[in-house]
Each structure stands twice: as C-alpha cells, then as structure tokens.
C-alpha cells in the first residue's frame, strides 16, 4: 500500500514517512494533540514522540488520530493498510527467527 507516494517495506521506512507527514503538517506535538482532542481522539504527544523517535510501529488508534490531526484524514485507510502489511511482515519475520533459533 502506497502512502505519500512511497510503499514502505519495514518499520523504519514507515516511521520515516510518519515523521515526513508531521513535518509537512508544520504542527507541533502539542498542536497535533489538541487537534486530535477536538475530534474526540487521544493522541498523547509523549507517545507520538516515542513512536516518531524510535523504530516501532504505532497502534492503529494512534496512527488514525495522527493522520487526521495532520489534516490528511482521507488517507487514513491507506496508512492503516500499510501498517497492517508491515505488522504482519514483522510478525512473520520474528516468528521465523524464533523457530530458527530453537531448531
């Protein structure tokens, strides 16, 4: 699934695209949190900062709130689809890694 014109292949690329979306929005963490709250969604700026600063995937609820807060709500489904593909790939890779190490 393509987002921002890119088809992310892993967690690092996905998080990089999230950082790009935040940058394009020109909003601070506080402003994103406030926009989400106005929609009745929770987007804790500390949690968002952790996701954008690290190499882990966000929960779907956080991702949805983030995309909407950035003003790109019409793209939320594409973001969620890409998240799902990457999360499945990660689970498969981690599952295979465990099987290989115990075999």
N, C-alpha and C. Protein backbone atom coordinates (compact mmCIF):
# COMPACT_ATOMS: atom_id res chain seq x y z
N UNK A 1 0.85 -1.18 0.00
CA UNK A 1 0.00 0.00 0.00
C UNK A 1 0.89 1.24 0.00
N UNK A 2 0.61 2.15 -0.87
CA UNK A 2 1.41 3.36 -1.02
C UNK A 2 0.87 4.49 -0.16
N UNK A 3 1.80 5.16 0.53
CA UNK A 3 1.46 6.35 1.31
C UNK A 3 2.51 7.42 1.01
N UNK A 4 2.07 8.63 0.84
CA UNK A 4 2.95 9.75 0.47
C UNK A 4 3.81 9.39 -0.74
N UNK A 5 3.24 8.61 -1.64
CA UNK A 5 3.94 8.23 -2.87
C UNK A 5 5.00 7.16 -2.70
N UNK A 6 5.03 6.53 -1.52
CA UNK A 6 6.03 5.51 -1.22
C UNK A 6 5.34 4.26 -0.69
N UNK A 7 5.90 3.12 -1.01
CA UNK A 7 5.41 1.86 -0.46
C UNK A 7 6.41 1.39 0.59
N UNK A 8 6.15 1.71 1.88
CA UNK A 8 7.12 1.36 2.93
C UNK A 8 7.28 -0.15 3.06
N UNK A 9 8.54 -0.57 3.25
CA UNK A 9 8.83 -2.01 3.33
C UNK A 9 9.03 -2.51 4.74
N UNK A 10 9.32 -1.59 5.67
CA UNK A 10 9.60 -2.03 7.04
C UNK A 10 9.26 -0.92 8.03
N UNK A 11 9.49 -1.22 9.30
CA UNK A 11 9.16 -0.29 10.38
C UNK A 11 9.90 1.04 10.20
N UNK A 12 11.17 0.97 9.88
CA UNK A 12 11.97 2.19 9.74
C UNK A 12 11.40 3.09 8.66
N UNK A 13 11.08 2.53 7.51
CA UNK A 13 10.52 3.35 6.43
C UNK A 13 9.15 3.90 6.80
N UNK A 14 8.34 3.11 7.49
CA UNK A 14 7.01 3.57 7.89
C UNK A 14 7.12 4.75 8.85
N UNK A 15 7.97 4.61 9.87
CA UNK A 15 8.16 5.68 10.84
C UNK A 15 8.74 6.92 10.17
N UNK A 16 9.63 6.73 9.21
CA UNK A 16 10.19 7.86 8.46
C UNK A 16 9.08 8.61 7.73
N UNK A 17 8.13 7.89 7.15
CA UNK A 17 7.01 8.53 6.48
C UNK A 17 6.11 9.27 7.47
N UNK A 18 5.95 8.71 8.66
CA UNK A 18 5.18 9.41 9.69
C UNK A 18 5.86 10.73 10.05
N UNK A 19 7.19 10.69 10.20
CA UNK A 19 7.92 11.93 10.51
C UNK A 19 7.76 12.94 9.38
N UNK A 20 7.78 12.46 8.15
CA UNK A 20 7.59 13.35 7.00
C UNK A 20 6.21 13.99 7.02
N UNK A 21 5.18 13.20 7.36
CA UNK A 21 3.82 13.73 7.45
C UNK A 21 3.73 14.81 8.52
N UNK A 22 4.37 14.58 9.66
CA UNK A 22 4.36 15.59 10.73
C UNK A 22 5.06 16.86 10.24
N UNK A 23 6.19 16.69 9.59
CA UNK A 23 6.93 17.85 9.09
C UNK A 23 6.10 18.64 8.08
N UNK A 24 5.43 17.93 7.17
CA UNK A 24 4.60 18.61 6.17
C UNK A 24 3.42 19.33 6.80
N UNK A 25 2.93 18.81 7.92
CA UNK A 25 1.80 19.46 8.59
C UNK A 25 2.21 20.78 9.23
N UNK A 26 3.49 20.91 9.54
CA UNK A 26 4.04 22.10 10.21
C UNK A 26 3.40 22.33 11.57
N UNK A 27 2.97 21.26 12.21
CA UNK A 27 2.34 21.34 13.52
C UNK A 27 3.27 20.79 14.59
N UNK A 28 3.17 21.36 15.78
CA UNK A 28 3.93 20.85 16.92
C UNK A 28 3.21 19.64 17.50
N UNK A 29 3.91 18.91 18.37
CA UNK A 29 3.28 17.78 19.05
C UNK A 29 2.04 18.25 19.82
N UNK A 30 2.17 19.39 20.49
CA UNK A 30 1.03 19.92 21.26
C UNK A 30 -0.15 20.23 20.34
N UNK A 31 0.12 20.86 19.20
CA UNK A 31 -0.96 21.19 18.27
C UNK A 31 -1.63 19.92 17.72
N UNK A 32 -0.84 18.90 17.44
CA UNK A 32 -1.41 17.63 16.97
C UNK A 32 -2.29 17.02 18.05
N UNK A 33 -1.82 17.06 19.28
CA UNK A 33 -2.59 16.53 20.40
C UNK A 33 -3.91 17.28 20.55
N UNK A 34 -3.87 18.59 20.42
CA UNK A 34 -5.07 19.41 20.55
C UNK A 34 -6.05 19.15 19.41
N UNK A 35 -5.54 18.99 18.19
CA UNK A 35 -6.42 18.69 17.05
C UNK A 35 -7.11 17.34 17.23
N UNK A 36 -6.36 16.37 17.71
CA UNK A 36 -6.96 15.05 17.94
C UNK A 36 -8.03 15.15 19.02
N UNK A 37 -7.75 15.87 20.09
CA UNK A 37 -8.73 16.02 21.17
C UNK A 37 -10.00 16.68 20.67
N UNK A 38 -9.88 17.62 19.76
CA UNK A 38 -11.05 18.30 19.19
C UNK A 38 -11.93 17.32 18.43
N UNK A 39 -11.34 16.23 17.93
CA UNK A 39 -12.09 15.18 17.22
C UNK A 39 -12.55 14.07 18.17
N UNK A 40 -12.22 14.20 19.46
CA UNK A 40 -12.58 13.17 20.43
C UNK A 40 -11.61 12.00 20.44
N UNK A 41 -10.42 12.21 19.87
CA UNK A 41 -9.41 11.16 19.82
C UNK A 41 -8.28 11.48 20.80
N UNK A 42 -7.58 10.43 21.20
CA UNK A 42 -6.45 10.60 22.10
C UNK A 42 -5.17 10.46 21.30
N UNK A 43 -4.32 11.47 21.40
CA UNK A 43 -3.02 11.45 20.73
C UNK A 43 -2.02 12.09 21.68
N UNK A 44 -1.58 11.30 22.65
CA UNK A 44 -0.63 11.82 23.63
C UNK A 44 0.67 12.19 22.94
N UNK A 45 1.08 13.43 23.12
CA UNK A 45 2.29 13.88 22.41
C UNK A 45 3.52 13.10 22.85
N UNK A 46 3.58 12.66 24.09
CA UNK A 46 4.74 11.87 24.52
C UNK A 46 4.79 10.53 23.82
N UNK A 47 3.64 9.90 23.64
CA UNK A 47 3.58 8.62 22.93
C UNK A 47 3.93 8.81 21.46
N UNK A 48 3.40 9.85 20.86
CA UNK A 48 3.70 10.14 19.46
C UNK A 48 5.20 10.41 19.29
N UNK A 49 5.78 11.17 20.21
CA UNK A 49 7.21 11.45 20.14
C UNK A 49 8.03 10.17 20.24
N UNK A 50 7.58 9.24 21.11
CA UNK A 50 8.26 7.95 21.23
C UNK A 50 8.22 7.17 19.92
N UNK A 51 7.05 7.14 19.28
CA UNK A 51 6.91 6.41 18.01
C UNK A 51 7.77 7.06 16.93
N UNK A 52 7.68 8.38 16.81
CA UNK A 52 8.42 9.07 15.75
C UNK A 52 9.93 9.07 16.00
N UNK A 53 10.33 8.89 17.22
CA UNK A 53 11.75 8.88 17.54
C UNK A 53 12.37 7.50 17.53
N UNK A 54 11.54 6.49 17.45
CA UNK A 54 12.05 5.13 17.53
C UNK A 54 11.85 4.32 16.28
N UNK A 55 11.88 3.05 16.48
CA UNK A 55 11.76 2.13 15.36
C UNK A 55 10.67 1.10 15.64
N UNK A 56 9.57 1.57 16.16
CA UNK A 56 8.45 0.67 16.42
C UNK A 56 7.19 1.24 15.77
N UNK A 57 6.29 0.35 15.50
CA UNK A 57 5.04 0.76 14.85
C UNK A 57 4.05 1.32 15.86
N UNK A 58 3.22 2.26 15.43
CA UNK A 58 2.19 2.79 16.32
C UNK A 58 1.00 1.84 16.38
N UNK A 59 0.20 1.99 17.41
CA UNK A 59 -1.09 1.28 17.46
C UNK A 59 -2.00 1.91 16.41
N UNK A 60 -2.92 1.15 15.87
CA UNK A 60 -3.82 1.70 14.83
C UNK A 60 -4.57 2.95 15.29
N UNK A 61 -5.01 3.00 16.56
CA UNK A 61 -5.76 4.16 17.05
C UNK A 61 -4.90 5.41 17.04
N UNK A 62 -3.63 5.26 17.44
CA UNK A 62 -2.73 6.40 17.45
C UNK A 62 -2.47 6.86 16.02
N UNK A 63 -2.25 5.92 15.12
CA UNK A 63 -1.99 6.27 13.72
C UNK A 63 -3.17 7.02 13.11
N UNK A 64 -4.37 6.55 13.36
CA UNK A 64 -5.56 7.20 12.83
C UNK A 64 -5.69 8.62 13.36
N UNK A 65 -5.52 8.78 14.66
CA UNK A 65 -5.60 10.11 15.27
C UNK A 65 -4.53 11.03 14.69
N UNK A 66 -3.33 10.50 14.50
CA UNK A 66 -2.21 11.27 13.96
C UNK A 66 -2.49 11.73 12.54
N UNK A 67 -2.93 10.83 11.69
CA UNK A 67 -3.19 11.18 10.28
C UNK A 67 -4.30 12.23 10.20
N UNK A 68 -5.35 12.06 10.98
CA UNK A 68 -6.43 13.05 10.99
C UNK A 68 -5.91 14.40 11.50
N UNK A 69 -5.13 14.38 12.58
CA UNK A 69 -4.63 15.62 13.16
C UNK A 69 -3.71 16.36 12.18
N UNK A 70 -3.03 15.62 11.32
CA UNK A 70 -2.15 16.22 10.31
C UNK A 70 -2.95 16.78 9.13
N UNK A 71 -4.26 16.58 9.16
CA UNK A 71 -5.11 17.11 8.10
C UNK A 71 -5.20 16.21 6.88
N UNK A 72 -4.85 14.94 7.05
CA UNK A 72 -4.87 14.00 5.93
C UNK A 72 -5.80 12.83 6.21
N UNK A 73 -6.91 13.11 6.86
CA UNK A 73 -7.86 12.07 7.25
C UNK A 73 -8.33 11.19 6.11
N UNK A 74 -8.41 11.75 4.91
CA UNK A 74 -8.85 10.97 3.75
C UNK A 74 -7.86 9.86 3.40
N UNK A 75 -6.64 9.96 3.93
CA UNK A 75 -5.61 8.96 3.66
C UNK A 75 -5.47 7.93 4.78
N UNK A 76 -6.31 8.03 5.81
CA UNK A 76 -6.17 7.16 6.98
C UNK A 76 -6.24 5.68 6.62
N UNK A 77 -7.13 5.30 5.72
CA UNK A 77 -7.26 3.90 5.35
C UNK A 77 -5.98 3.38 4.70
N UNK A 78 -5.37 4.17 3.85
CA UNK A 78 -4.12 3.77 3.21
C UNK A 78 -3.02 3.59 4.25
N UNK A 79 -2.96 4.49 5.21
CA UNK A 79 -1.97 4.37 6.28
C UNK A 79 -2.21 3.10 7.10
N UNK A 80 -3.47 2.84 7.44
CA UNK A 80 -3.79 1.65 8.22
C UNK A 80 -3.49 0.37 7.44
N UNK A 81 -3.77 0.37 6.16
CA UNK A 81 -3.46 -0.79 5.32
C UNK A 81 -1.95 -1.04 5.29
N UNK A 82 -1.17 0.01 5.12
CA UNK A 82 0.28 -0.13 5.10
C UNK A 82 0.80 -0.62 6.46
N UNK A 83 0.22 -0.09 7.53
CA UNK A 83 0.59 -0.53 8.87
C UNK A 83 0.33 -2.02 9.04
N UNK A 84 -0.83 -2.47 8.58
CA UNK A 84 -1.20 -3.88 8.69
C UNK A 84 -0.21 -4.78 7.94
N UNK A 85 0.13 -4.39 6.72
CA UNK A 85 1.07 -5.19 5.92
C UNK A 85 2.42 -5.30 6.62
N UNK A 86 2.92 -4.19 7.13
CA UNK A 86 4.22 -4.20 7.78
C UNK A 86 4.17 -4.96 9.09
N UNK A 87 3.10 -4.80 9.86
CA UNK A 87 2.97 -5.52 11.13
C UNK A 87 2.93 -7.03 10.89
N UNK A 88 2.22 -7.45 9.86
CA UNK A 88 2.19 -8.89 9.54
C UNK A 88 3.56 -9.39 9.13
N UNK A 89 4.25 -8.62 8.31
CA UNK A 89 5.59 -8.99 7.86
C UNK A 89 6.53 -9.11 9.06
N UNK A 90 6.45 -8.13 9.96
CA UNK A 90 7.30 -8.15 11.16
C UNK A 90 7.00 -9.39 12.02
N UNK A 91 5.71 -9.69 12.19
CA UNK A 91 5.32 -10.85 13.00
C UNK A 91 5.84 -12.14 12.37
N UNK A 92 5.74 -12.24 11.05
CA UNK A 92 6.21 -13.42 10.35
C UNK A 92 7.73 -13.55 10.50
N UNK A 93 8.44 -12.45 10.31
CA UNK A 93 9.90 -12.49 10.42
C UNK A 93 10.34 -12.85 11.84
N UNK A 94 9.67 -12.30 12.84
CA UNK A 94 10.03 -12.60 14.23
C UNK A 94 9.66 -14.03 14.57
N UNK A 95 8.55 -14.49 14.04
CA UNK A 95 8.13 -15.88 14.27
C UNK A 95 9.12 -16.86 13.66
N UNK A 96 9.58 -16.57 12.43
CA UNK A 96 10.56 -17.44 11.77
C UNK A 96 11.89 -17.40 12.49
N UNK A 97 12.25 -16.21 12.99
CA UNK A 97 13.51 -16.10 13.72
C UNK A 97 13.51 -16.96 14.97
N UNK A 98 12.38 -17.00 15.67
CA UNK A 98 12.28 -17.82 16.88
C UNK A 98 12.36 -19.30 16.53
N UNK A 99 11.68 -19.68 15.45
CA UNK A 99 11.70 -21.09 15.04
C UNK A 99 13.11 -21.51 14.66
N UNK A 100 13.82 -20.64 13.96
CA UNK A 100 15.18 -20.97 13.54
C UNK A 100 16.11 -21.12 14.74
N UNK A 101 15.94 -20.29 15.75
CA UNK A 101 16.86 -20.34 16.88
C UNK A 101 16.61 -21.52 17.80
N UNK A 102 15.40 -22.07 17.76
CA UNK A 102 15.10 -23.22 18.63
C UNK A 102 15.31 -24.54 17.92
N UNK A 103 15.45 -24.52 16.57
CA UNK A 103 15.55 -25.74 15.79
C UNK A 103 16.92 -26.25 15.80
